[in-house]
Structures are given as C-alpha cells and as structure tokens.
C-alpha cells in the first residue's frame, strides 16, 4: 500500500469492522480494526491530514466514510465518539459508488438555485481533504507556533482543572525526565488517582519511544500517567501505552485536545444561530 485508502474504499471495511466488534464501537476501536484488517502500514496510517498534524489523513477519511454510511442509513451515532450499525442493516450490501453519487445528486439539487456553475465546487466539497475544519488548522498553528512552551503547560493545567482534576501543578523542572506536571483525578468523590502528565507541542506523530521514556520517568512515583500532544500517536505508541504489566498511560491527541478546548470554551468562541419554527398543530389544538 503506497497511499491512504480513499473514502469509498473504506466504507466496506468500516462496516466489516463494526460487525466484528459486535455492532457498536468507539471511533478509536473502529479505526484500529480497519487498520488491522487492511494491514495499513504505519507510515501510511500516520500521514498528517492537510498541513497540520492534529489528525491523520486516514482518520479524516474514516470519519467521512462513517458519515456517508450514516447518511445512507447504515449507521447511527447514538452519542459522541460511538458508532453503531442500525438494526436490520448488518447484512445489507454496501455500494460506495451509489452512496457517493446519491449524496452528490442531493447536494446539487439543494444548491441548484444558489449556484448554477458550481460543478467543480461541488466535486471539491466531497473530497476527503475538504472537510470544514478551518478552526482546527488555525488552532493547531496557534498551539504549535504562537504559544510558548510554558504557556502550553499552563493551558494543560487549566484543561485538567476543567476536567475535574484537583491539585494540578506544573513542574517543568530540568532533569525531571520529561514530567511537566502532577494532579489528582477524582472519581465520584470516592476514589482518587495521582497522575503525572507530559504535554508536547509536536507536529509529527508521537512514537512508542516517547511513551517508554515517559513511563521511565514515572517509575516509582505514580501508577497513572497522561500524555498530551498537539499531534497524533503511532499505533505502536498506543500499544505501548496500554501494555500489560506496566503502569498505564492515557493519551490525548491533537484532535481530542482541540475538541476539549472547544467544549470548555478555552480560547474558543462558538457562535450559534437561533432557528425559529412555528408548530401550527400546537396552535390548532390549544
């Protein structure tokens, strides 16, 4: 394999992965299963999406594949980060060409009155690399090029506070083995875990060696680690983070980081448009 599979080439593998995973799974589980089934090489799986490194091109196209399968009635998205095969759709044949052509026809119909000469625009709109994530790109640039290293560590501290951590401290001491801070994760006010965290403003994928180095710095100090990055993690890095017999390390990649910053409105302003509709039946039955 010399290039990232196209969206159309991923629809059937996504359905196959979900069937193997019992009909429902998280985004990460689906992506990993597809990579395993297609035997996608590490260097292909880690090609960055667009010019930024907060998401891989493969993950972006897998996301599009799920979205198109949802539009075609194969999948549902019951809650954020979880996808499932709709009841009765397990054995239905997936025709990627038909799914894409149907979407394109509908899109052209919807935009016909607004633009008469937008064929090329419409063709570009449904290509895998055209997803409207301009705010991701802008934020990635801010985090990796504008923000100072110490400011990024303070941002991580603020984010952990918003997520419910207490006693979060930034250490960042030289010779501390890459430990950037400490905190306590509270669970239902009954249990707590002391956590060491490391945050790296990387553009390239974090490899397994960085995870092993971080675990070495954790040795004897805590049973839990958290690694935050602006980029992505290689498959081997994710395996290393959950390897049996060693303290586990939770991973937050660039995409998850940005979504959390958006969720807690940390430097991100979200404008919503109010849509008002009239329920005529309500008035008739009052």
C-alpha atoms as a PDB file:
ATOM      1  CA  UNK A   1       0.000   0.000   0.000  1.00  0.00           C
ATOM      2  CA  UNK A   2       1.517   3.299  -1.152  1.00  0.00           C
ATOM      3  CA  UNK A   3      -1.215   5.786  -0.297  1.00  0.00           C
ATOM      4  CA  UNK A   4      -4.080   6.334   2.124  1.00  0.00           C
ATOM      5  CA  UNK A   5      -7.244   4.492   1.004  1.00  0.00           C
ATOM      6  CA  UNK A   6      -9.964   6.768  -0.354  1.00  0.00           C
ATOM      7  CA  UNK A   7     -13.225   7.284   1.422  1.00  0.00           C
ATOM      8  CA  UNK A   8     -15.063   4.928  -0.951  1.00  0.00           C
ATOM      9  CA  UNK A   9     -12.502   2.228  -0.270  1.00  0.00           C
ATOM     10  CA  UNK A  10     -13.083   2.495   3.477  1.00  0.00           C
ATOM     11  CA  UNK A  11     -16.867   2.150   3.654  1.00  0.00           C
ATOM     12  CA  UNK A  12     -16.973  -1.636   3.391  1.00  0.00           C
ATOM     13  CA  UNK A  13     -14.065  -2.097   5.850  1.00  0.00           C
ATOM     14  CA  UNK A  14     -15.840   0.180   8.351  1.00  0.00           C
ATOM     15  CA  UNK A  15     -18.969  -1.991   8.187  1.00  0.00           C
ATOM     16  CA  UNK A  16     -16.846  -5.138   8.470  1.00  0.00           C
ATOM     17  CA  UNK A  17     -15.030  -3.705  11.492  1.00  0.00           C
ATOM     18  CA  UNK A  18     -18.277  -2.843  13.258  1.00  0.00           C
ATOM     19  CA  UNK A  19     -19.696  -6.292  12.568  1.00  0.00           C
ATOM     20  CA  UNK A  20     -16.582  -7.879  14.062  1.00  0.00           C
ATOM     21  CA  UNK A  21     -16.760  -5.544  17.075  1.00  0.00           C
ATOM     22  CA  UNK A  22     -20.312  -6.617  17.882  1.00  0.00           C
ATOM     23  CA  UNK A  23     -22.268  -3.934  16.056  1.00  0.00           C
ATOM     24  CA  UNK A  24     -21.103  -0.889  18.005  1.00  0.00           C
ATOM     25  CA  UNK A  25     -17.756   0.580  18.988  1.00  0.00           C
ATOM     26  CA  UNK A  26     -15.822   3.749  19.676  1.00  0.00           C
ATOM     27  CA  UNK A  27     -14.150   5.694  16.892  1.00  0.00           C
ATOM     28  CA  UNK A  28     -10.714   4.525  18.026  1.00  0.00           C
ATOM     29  CA  UNK A  29     -11.793   0.861  18.090  1.00  0.00           C
ATOM     30  CA  UNK A  30     -13.253   1.116  14.581  1.00  0.00           C
ATOM     31  CA  UNK A  31     -10.175   2.857  13.192  1.00  0.00           C
ATOM     32  CA  UNK A  32      -7.785   0.355  14.747  1.00  0.00           C
ATOM     33  CA  UNK A  33      -9.810  -2.596  13.445  1.00  0.00           C
ATOM     34  CA  UNK A  34      -9.835  -1.192   9.907  1.00  0.00           C
ATOM     35  CA  UNK A  35      -6.070  -0.652  10.046  1.00  0.00           C
ATOM     36  CA  UNK A  36      -5.656  -4.238  11.220  1.00  0.00           C
ATOM     37  CA  UNK A  37      -7.964  -5.696   8.562  1.00  0.00           C
ATOM     38  CA  UNK A  38      -6.393  -3.753   5.685  1.00  0.00           C
ATOM     39  CA  UNK A  39      -2.870  -4.143   7.050  1.00  0.00           C
ATOM     40  CA  UNK A  40      -2.224  -0.441   6.549  1.00  0.00           C
ATOM     41  CA  UNK A  41       1.481   0.293   7.138  1.00  0.00           C
ATOM     42  CA  UNK A  42       2.425   2.613   9.989  1.00  0.00           C
ATOM     43  CA  UNK A  43       3.948   5.228   7.682  1.00  0.00           C
ATOM     44  CA  UNK A  44       0.725   5.423   5.644  1.00  0.00           C
ATOM     45  CA  UNK A  45      -1.544   5.474   8.705  1.00  0.00           C
ATOM     46  CA  UNK A  46       0.373   8.431  10.162  1.00  0.00           C
ATOM     47  CA  UNK A  47       0.338  10.778   7.160  1.00  0.00           C
ATOM     48  CA  UNK A  48      -0.973  14.110   8.532  1.00  0.00           C
ATOM     49  CA  UNK A  49      -4.306  15.485   7.405  1.00  0.00           C
ATOM     50  CA  UNK A  50      -3.745  18.594   5.294  1.00  0.00           C
ATOM     51  CA  UNK A  51      -0.711  20.523   6.503  1.00  0.00           C
ATOM     52  CA  UNK A  52      -1.412  20.078  10.191  1.00  0.00           C
ATOM     53  CA  UNK A  53      -0.575  17.159  12.416  1.00  0.00           C
ATOM     54  CA  UNK A  54      -3.533  17.167  14.787  1.00  0.00           C
ATOM     55  CA  UNK A  55      -5.249  14.436  12.750  1.00  0.00           C
ATOM     56  CA  UNK A  56      -4.096  11.866  10.230  1.00  0.00           C
ATOM     57  CA  UNK A  57      -5.452  11.730   6.703  1.00  0.00           C
ATOM     58  CA  UNK A  58      -6.599   8.172   7.348  1.00  0.00           C
ATOM     59  CA  UNK A  59      -8.664   9.143  10.398  1.00  0.00           C
ATOM     60  CA  UNK A  60     -10.218  12.013   8.462  1.00  0.00           C
ATOM     61  CA  UNK A  61     -11.255   9.706   5.628  1.00  0.00           C
ATOM     62  CA  UNK A  62     -12.544   7.080   8.035  1.00  0.00           C
ATOM     63  CA  UNK A  63     -14.649   9.805   9.624  1.00  0.00           C
ATOM     64  CA  UNK A  64     -16.069  10.717   6.238  1.00  0.00           C
ATOM     65  CA  UNK A  65     -16.767   7.041   5.481  1.00  0.00           C
ATOM     66  CA  UNK A  66     -18.801   6.723   8.692  1.00  0.00           C
ATOM     67  CA  UNK A  67     -20.663   9.938   7.928  1.00  0.00           C
ATOM     68  CA  UNK A  68     -21.637   8.783   4.436  1.00  0.00           C
ATOM     69  CA  UNK A  69     -22.732   5.395   5.780  1.00  0.00           C
ATOM     70  CA  UNK A  70     -24.896   7.225   8.291  1.00  0.00           C
ATOM     71  CA  UNK A  71     -26.473   9.346   5.557  1.00  0.00           C
ATOM     72  CA  UNK A  72     -27.201   6.177   3.604  1.00  0.00           C
ATOM     73  CA  UNK A  73     -28.978   4.628   6.587  1.00  0.00           C
ATOM     74  CA  UNK A  74     -26.370   2.017   7.531  1.00  0.00           C
ATOM     75  CA  UNK A  75     -25.014   3.556  10.737  1.00  0.00           C
ATOM     76  CA  UNK A  76     -26.158   5.662  13.643  1.00  0.00           C
ATOM     77  CA  UNK A  77     -24.224   7.853  16.052  1.00  0.00           C
ATOM     78  CA  UNK A  78     -26.055   7.426  19.387  1.00  0.00           C
ATOM     79  CA  UNK A  79     -23.575   9.598  21.280  1.00  0.00           C
ATOM     80  CA  UNK A  80     -20.353  11.415  20.684  1.00  0.00           C
ATOM     81  CA  UNK A  81     -17.482   9.103  19.804  1.00  0.00           C
ATOM     82  CA  UNK A  82     -19.661   5.977  19.466  1.00  0.00           C
ATOM     83  CA  UNK A  83     -20.995   4.444  16.244  1.00  0.00           C
ATOM     84  CA  UNK A  84     -23.353   1.523  15.703  1.00  0.00           C
ATOM     85  CA  UNK A  85     -24.921  -0.432  12.865  1.00  0.00           C
ATOM     86  CA  UNK A  86     -28.602   0.399  12.621  1.00  0.00           C
ATOM     87  CA  UNK A  87     -30.959  -2.521  13.342  1.00  0.00           C
ATOM     88  CA  UNK A  88     -31.508  -4.669  10.285  1.00  0.00           C
ATOM     89  CA  UNK A  89     -28.568  -3.232   8.340  1.00  0.00           C
ATOM     90  CA  UNK A  90     -25.950  -5.864   9.240  1.00  0.00           C
ATOM     91  CA  UNK A  91     -26.412  -7.872   6.042  1.00  0.00           C
ATOM     92  CA  UNK A  92     -27.302  -5.028   3.698  1.00  0.00           C
ATOM     93  CA  UNK A  93     -24.862  -4.695   0.823  1.00  0.00           C
ATOM     94  CA  UNK A  94     -22.755  -1.537   0.811  1.00  0.00           C
ATOM     95  CA  UNK A  95     -22.340   0.105  -2.588  1.00  0.00           C
ATOM     96  CA  UNK A  96     -19.888   3.009  -2.100  1.00  0.00           C
ATOM     97  CA  UNK A  97     -20.329   4.321  -5.647  1.00  0.00           C
ATOM     98  CA  UNK A  98     -24.096   4.516  -5.197  1.00  0.00           C
ATOM     99  CA  UNK A  99     -23.785   6.138  -1.777  1.00  0.00           C
ATOM    100  CA  UNK A 100     -21.498   8.876  -3.087  1.00  0.00           C
ATOM    101  CA  UNK A 101     -23.460   9.507  -6.280  1.00  0.00           C
ATOM    102  CA  UNK A 102     -26.720   9.780  -4.314  1.00  0.00           C
ATOM    103  CA  UNK A 103     -25.172  12.335  -1.990  1.00  0.00           C
ATOM    104  CA  UNK A 104     -23.769  14.323  -4.907  1.00  0.00           C
ATOM    105  CA  UNK A 105     -27.165  14.388  -6.657  1.00  0.00           C
ATOM    106  CA  UNK A 106     -28.853  15.601  -3.482  1.00  0.00           C
ATOM    107  CA  UNK A 107     -26.207  18.244  -2.929  1.00  0.00           C
ATOM    108  CA  UNK A 108     -26.521  19.521  -6.481  1.00  0.00           C
ATOM    109  CA  UNK A 109     -30.289  19.672  -6.159  1.00  0.00           C
ATOM    110  CA  UNK A 110     -30.094  21.651  -2.929  1.00  0.00           C
ATOM    111  CA  UNK A 111     -27.652  24.155  -4.408  1.00  0.00           C
ATOM    112  CA  UNK A 112     -29.051  24.429  -7.891  1.00  0.00           C
ATOM    113  CA  UNK A 113     -30.871  27.684  -7.271  1.00  0.00           C
ATOM    114  CA  UNK A 114     -27.991  29.197  -5.319  1.00  0.00           C
ATOM    115  CA  UNK A 115     -25.248  28.475  -7.839  1.00  0.00           C
ATOM    116  CA  UNK A 116     -25.541  27.489 -11.458  1.00  0.00           C
ATOM    117  CA  UNK A 117     -21.883  26.919 -12.255  1.00  0.00           C
ATOM    118  CA  UNK A 118     -20.574  25.220  -9.157  1.00  0.00           C
ATOM    119  CA  UNK A 119     -19.887  21.722 -10.522  1.00  0.00           C
ATOM    120  CA  UNK A 120     -16.203  21.898  -9.658  1.00  0.00           C
ATOM    121  CA  UNK A 121     -17.021  23.418  -6.279  1.00  0.00           C
ATOM    122  CA  UNK A 122     -19.368  20.539  -5.533  1.00  0.00           C
ATOM    123  CA  UNK A 123     -16.820  17.978  -6.665  1.00  0.00           C
ATOM    124  CA  UNK A 124     -14.232  19.568  -4.381  1.00  0.00           C
ATOM    125  CA  UNK A 125     -16.657  19.725  -1.477  1.00  0.00           C
ATOM    126  CA  UNK A 126     -16.990  15.963  -1.121  1.00  0.00           C
ATOM    127  CA  UNK A 127     -13.314  15.095  -1.423  1.00  0.00           C
ATOM    128  CA  UNK A 128     -11.802  13.700   1.793  1.00  0.00           C
ATOM    129  CA  UNK A 129      -9.455  16.637   2.288  1.00  0.00           C
ATOM    130  CA  UNK A 130     -12.127  19.317   2.076  1.00  0.00           C
ATOM    131  CA  UNK A 131     -13.802  18.872   5.445  1.00  0.00           C
ATOM    132  CA  UNK A 132     -14.603  22.213   7.064  1.00  0.00           C
ATOM    133  CA  UNK A 133     -12.086  22.147   9.870  1.00  0.00           C
ATOM    134  CA  UNK A 134     -10.506  25.551   9.334  1.00  0.00           C
ATOM    135  CA  UNK A 135     -10.718  26.265  13.046  1.00  0.00           C
ATOM    136  CA  UNK A 136      -8.666  23.103  13.700  1.00  0.00           C
ATOM    137  CA  UNK A 137      -5.959  24.359  11.369  1.00  0.00           C
ATOM    138  CA  UNK A 138      -5.922  27.822  12.918  1.00  0.00           C
ATOM    139  CA  UNK A 139      -5.829  26.473  16.465  1.00  0.00           C
ATOM    140  CA  UNK A 140      -3.086  23.998  15.561  1.00  0.00           C
ATOM    141  CA  UNK A 141      -0.935  26.876  14.311  1.00  0.00           C
ATOM    142  CA  UNK A 142      -1.580  28.853  17.498  1.00  0.00           C
ATOM    143  CA  UNK A 143      -0.708  25.915  19.743  1.00  0.00           C
ATOM    144  CA  UNK A 144       2.441  24.852  17.902  1.00  0.00           C
ATOM    145  CA  UNK A 145       3.867  28.140  16.658  1.00  0.00           C
ATOM    146  CA  UNK A 146       2.462  31.029  18.682  1.00  0.00           C
ATOM    147  CA  UNK A 147       2.151  29.612  22.190  1.00  0.00           C
ATOM    148  CA  UNK A 148       5.313  29.434  24.304  1.00  0.00           C
ATOM    149  CA  UNK A 149       6.208  26.050  25.845  1.00  0.00           C
ATOM    150  CA  UNK A 150       5.490  27.263  29.379  1.00  0.00           C
ATOM    151  CA  UNK A 151       2.155  28.712  28.245  1.00  0.00           C
ATOM    152  CA  UNK A 152       1.207  25.368  26.724  1.00  0.00           C
ATOM    153  CA  UNK A 153       1.910  23.694  30.055  1.00  0.00           C
ATOM    154  CA  UNK A 154      -0.324  26.225  31.805  1.00  0.00           C
ATOM    155  CA  UNK A 155      -3.024  25.558  29.220  1.00  0.00           C
ATOM    156  CA  UNK A 156      -2.782  21.834  30.004  1.00  0.00           C
ATOM    157  CA  UNK A 157      -3.130  22.651  33.702  1.00  0.00           C
ATOM    158  CA  UNK A 158      -6.249  24.743  33.048  1.00  0.00           C
ATOM    159  CA  UNK A 159      -7.755  21.995  30.886  1.00  0.00           C
ATOM    160  CA  UNK A 160      -7.178  19.353  33.563  1.00  0.00           C
ATOM    161  CA  UNK A 161      -8.848  21.600  36.132  1.00  0.00           C
ATOM    162  CA  UNK A 162     -11.866  21.930  33.829  1.00  0.00           C
ATOM    163  CA  UNK A 163     -11.945  18.132  33.505  1.00  0.00           C
ATOM    164  CA  UNK A 164     -12.234  17.710  37.275  1.00  0.00           C
ATOM    165  CA  UNK A 165      -8.614  17.265  38.348  1.00  0.00           C
ATOM    166  CA  UNK A 166      -7.543  18.837  41.629  1.00  0.00           C
ATOM    167  CA  UNK A 167      -4.181  19.982  42.984  1.00  0.00           C
ATOM    168  CA  UNK A 168      -2.815  20.345  39.462  1.00  0.00           C
ATOM    169  CA  UNK A 169       0.713  21.704  39.430  1.00  0.00           C
ATOM    170  CA  UNK A 170       3.098  22.455  36.594  1.00  0.00           C
ATOM    171  CA  UNK A 171       6.639  21.372  37.415  1.00  0.00           C
ATOM    172  CA  UNK A 172       8.607  21.594  34.196  1.00  0.00           C
ATOM    173  CA  UNK A 173      11.873  21.252  36.065  1.00  0.00           C
ATOM    174  CA  UNK A 174      15.015  20.478  34.122  1.00  0.00           C
ATOM    175  CA  UNK A 175      16.186  16.909  34.581  1.00  0.00           C
ATOM    176  CA  UNK A 176      12.761  15.760  35.672  1.00  0.00           C
ATOM    177  CA  UNK A 177      12.592  13.143  32.939  1.00  0.00           C
ATOM    178  CA  UNK A 178      10.001  14.984  30.901  1.00  0.00           C
ATOM    179  CA  UNK A 179       7.417  15.238  33.696  1.00  0.00           C
ATOM    180  CA  UNK A 180       5.594  18.512  33.085  1.00  0.00           C
ATOM    181  CA  UNK A 181       3.115  18.383  35.942  1.00  0.00           C
ATOM    182  CA  UNK A 182       1.131  16.482  38.529  1.00  0.00           C
ATOM    183  CA  UNK A 183      -2.501  16.282  39.544  1.00  0.00           C
ATOM    184  CA  UNK A 184      -5.148  14.193  41.242  1.00  0.00           C
ATOM    185  CA  UNK A 185      -8.032  12.706  39.281  1.00  0.00           C
ATOM    186  CA  UNK A 186     -11.161  12.371  41.424  1.00  0.00           C
ATOM    187  CA  UNK A 187     -13.645   9.575  40.714  1.00  0.00           C
ATOM    188  CA  UNK A 188     -17.156  10.036  42.132  1.00  0.00           C
ATOM    189  CA  UNK A 189     -15.664  11.707  45.215  1.00  0.00           C
ATOM    190  CA  UNK A 190     -14.819   8.219  46.492  1.00  0.00           C
ATOM    191  CA  UNK A 191     -11.542   7.416  44.775  1.00  0.00           C
ATOM    192  CA  UNK A 192      -8.598   9.399  43.526  1.00  0.00           C
ATOM    193  CA  UNK A 193      -5.542   8.744  41.385  1.00  0.00           C
ATOM    194  CA  UNK A 194      -2.280  10.633  41.478  1.00  0.00           C
ATOM    195  CA  UNK A 195      -1.348  11.424  37.891  1.00  0.00           C
ATOM    196  CA  UNK A 196       1.836  12.651  36.259  1.00  0.00           C
ATOM    197  CA  UNK A 197       1.396  14.368  32.916  1.00  0.00           C
ATOM    198  CA  UNK A 198       3.553  15.298  29.982  1.00  0.00           C
ATOM    199  CA  UNK A 199       2.498  17.730  27.270  1.00  0.00           C
ATOM    200  CA  UNK A 200       4.322  18.068  23.964  1.00  0.00           C
ATOM    201  CA  UNK A 201       3.725  20.503  21.101  1.00  0.00           C
ATOM    202  CA  UNK A 202       4.622  18.095  18.337  1.00  0.00           C
ATOM    203  CA  UNK A 203       3.801  18.262  14.631  1.00  0.00           C
ATOM    204  CA  UNK A 204       4.874  14.694  13.891  1.00  0.00           C
ATOM    205  CA  UNK A 205       3.291  11.577  15.401  1.00  0.00           C
ATOM    206  CA  UNK A 206       4.473  10.565  18.882  1.00  0.00           C
ATOM    207  CA  UNK A 207       6.337   7.254  18.680  1.00  0.00           C
ATOM    208  CA  UNK A 208       6.493   4.391  21.173  1.00  0.00           C
ATOM    209  CA  UNK A 209       9.931   5.504  22.399  1.00  0.00           C
ATOM    210  CA  UNK A 210       8.495   8.718  23.826  1.00  0.00           C
ATOM    211  CA  UNK A 211       5.909   6.705  25.763  1.00  0.00           C
ATOM    212  CA  UNK A 212       8.583   4.391  27.168  1.00  0.00           C
ATOM    213  CA  UNK A 213      10.720   7.373  28.213  1.00  0.00           C
ATOM    214  CA  UNK A 214       7.750   8.954  29.958  1.00  0.00           C
ATOM    215  CA  UNK A 215       6.956   5.704  31.770  1.00  0.00           C
ATOM    216  CA  UNK A 216      10.570   5.502  32.893  1.00  0.00           C
ATOM    217  CA  UNK A 217      10.283   8.966  34.411  1.00  0.00           C
ATOM    218  CA  UNK A 218       7.061   7.878  36.149  1.00  0.00           C
ATOM    219  CA  UNK A 219       8.698   4.823  37.729  1.00  0.00           C
ATOM    220  CA  UNK A 220       8.179   4.657  41.466  1.00  0.00           C
ATOM    221  CA  UNK A 221       6.282   7.940  41.575  1.00  0.00           C
ATOM    222  CA  UNK A 222       2.746   7.128  40.455  1.00  0.00           C
ATOM    223  CA  UNK A 223       0.575   4.405  38.963  1.00  0.00           C
ATOM    224  CA  UNK A 224      -1.003   6.600  36.293  1.00  0.00           C
ATOM    225  CA  UNK A 225       0.284   8.812  33.505  1.00  0.00           C
ATOM    226  CA  UNK A 226      -1.247  11.207  30.998  1.00  0.00           C
ATOM    227  CA  UNK A 227       0.457  12.210  27.748  1.00  0.00           C
ATOM    228  CA  UNK A 228      -0.997  15.234  25.906  1.00  0.00           C
ATOM    229  CA  UNK A 229       0.132  16.221  22.421  1.00  0.00           C
ATOM    230  CA  UNK A 230      -0.917  18.520  19.604  1.00  0.00           C
ATOM    231  CA  UNK A 231      -0.176  15.781  17.055  1.00  0.00           C
ATOM    232  CA  UNK A 232      -1.093  12.092  16.902  1.00  0.00           C
ATOM    233  CA  UNK A 233       0.194   8.807  18.324  1.00  0.00           C
ATOM    234  CA  UNK A 234       1.548   5.960  16.253  1.00  0.00           C
ATOM    235  CA  UNK A 235      -0.091   2.552  16.534  1.00  0.00           C
ATOM    236  CA  UNK A 236       2.948   1.244  18.427  1.00  0.00           C
ATOM    237  CA  UNK A 237       2.758   4.195  20.821  1.00  0.00           C
ATOM    238  CA  UNK A 238      -0.867   3.347  21.641  1.00  0.00           C
ATOM    239  CA  UNK A 239       0.041  -0.282  22.202  1.00  0.00           C
ATOM    240  CA  UNK A 240       2.931   0.726  24.442  1.00  0.00           C
ATOM    241  CA  UNK A 241       0.645   2.981  26.476  1.00  0.00           C
ATOM    242  CA  UNK A 242      -1.599   0.031  27.409  1.00  0.00           C
ATOM    243  CA  UNK A 243       0.997  -2.739  27.530  1.00  0.00           C
ATOM    244  CA  UNK A 244       0.335  -5.388  30.195  1.00  0.00           C
ATOM    245  CA  UNK A 245       2.475  -5.434  33.324  1.00  0.00           C
ATOM    246  CA  UNK A 246       3.387  -1.751  33.382  1.00  0.00           C
ATOM    247  CA  UNK A 247       1.622   1.407  34.624  1.00  0.00           C
ATOM    248  CA  UNK A 248      -0.936   2.531  32.021  1.00  0.00           C
ATOM    249  CA  UNK A 249      -0.655   5.871  30.269  1.00  0.00           C
ATOM    250  CA  UNK A 250      -3.716   7.670  28.937  1.00  0.00           C
ATOM    251  CA  UNK A 251      -3.239   9.501  25.650  1.00  0.00           C
ATOM    252  CA  UNK A 252      -4.808  12.742  24.420  1.00  0.00           C
ATOM    253  CA  UNK A 253      -4.005  13.517  20.795  1.00  0.00           C
ATOM    254  CA  UNK A 254      -4.365  16.817  18.982  1.00  0.00           C
ATOM    255  CA  UNK A 255      -7.911  16.177  17.798  1.00  0.00           C
ATOM    256  CA  UNK A 256      -9.123  15.281  21.299  1.00  0.00           C
ATOM    257  CA  UNK A 257      -7.237  18.240  22.769  1.00  0.00           C
ATOM    258  CA  UNK A 258      -8.897  20.690  20.403  1.00  0.00           C
ATOM    259  CA  UNK A 259     -12.364  19.275  20.992  1.00  0.00           C
ATOM    260  CA  UNK A 260     -11.868  19.583  24.755  1.00  0.00           C
ATOM    261  CA  UNK A 261     -10.663  23.179  24.402  1.00  0.00           C
ATOM    262  CA  UNK A 262     -13.787  23.859  22.369  1.00  0.00           C
ATOM    263  CA  UNK A 263     -16.035  22.074  24.873  1.00  0.00           C
ATOM    264  CA  UNK A 264     -14.770  24.178  27.779  1.00  0.00           C
ATOM    265  CA  UNK A 265     -14.505  27.357  25.662  1.00  0.00           C
ATOM    266  CA  UNK A 266     -10.820  27.772  26.477  1.00  0.00           C
ATOM    267  CA  UNK A 267      -9.762  30.435  23.998  1.00  0.00           C
ATOM    268  CA  UNK A 268     -12.521  29.354  21.606  1.00  0.00           C
ATOM    269  CA  UNK A 269     -15.734  31.251  20.994  1.00  0.00           C
ATOM    270  CA  UNK A 270     -18.623  29.352  19.432  1.00  0.00           C
ATOM    271  CA  UNK A 271     -21.432  31.262  17.753  1.00  0.00           C
ATOM    272  CA  UNK A 272     -24.805  29.576  17.467  1.00  0.00           C
ATOM    273  CA  UNK A 273     -27.593  30.600  15.122  1.00  0.00           C
ATOM    274  CA  UNK A 274     -31.099  30.549  16.545  1.00  0.00           C
ATOM    275  CA  UNK A 275     -33.654  28.879  14.288  1.00  0.00           C
ATOM    276  CA  UNK A 276     -37.313  29.608  14.992  1.00  0.00           C
ATOM    277  CA  UNK A 277     -40.081  27.372  13.619  1.00  0.00           C
ATOM    278  CA  UNK A 278     -43.816  27.544  14.157  1.00  0.00           C
ATOM    279  CA  UNK A 279     -45.747  24.483  15.309  1.00  0.00           C
ATOM    280  CA  UNK A 280     -49.111  25.060  13.652  1.00  0.00           C
ATOM    281  CA  UNK A 281     -50.627  21.936  15.179  1.00  0.00           C
ATOM    282  CA  UNK A 282     -49.907  23.276  18.648  1.00  0.00           C
ATOM    283  CA  UNK A 283     -51.903  26.410  17.933  1.00  0.00           C
ATOM    284  CA  UNK A 284     -54.767  24.466  16.358  1.00  0.00           C
ATOM    285  CA  UNK A 285     -55.088  22.226  19.394  1.00  0.00           C
ATOM    286  CA  UNK A 286     -54.753  24.850  22.107  1.00  0.00           C
END
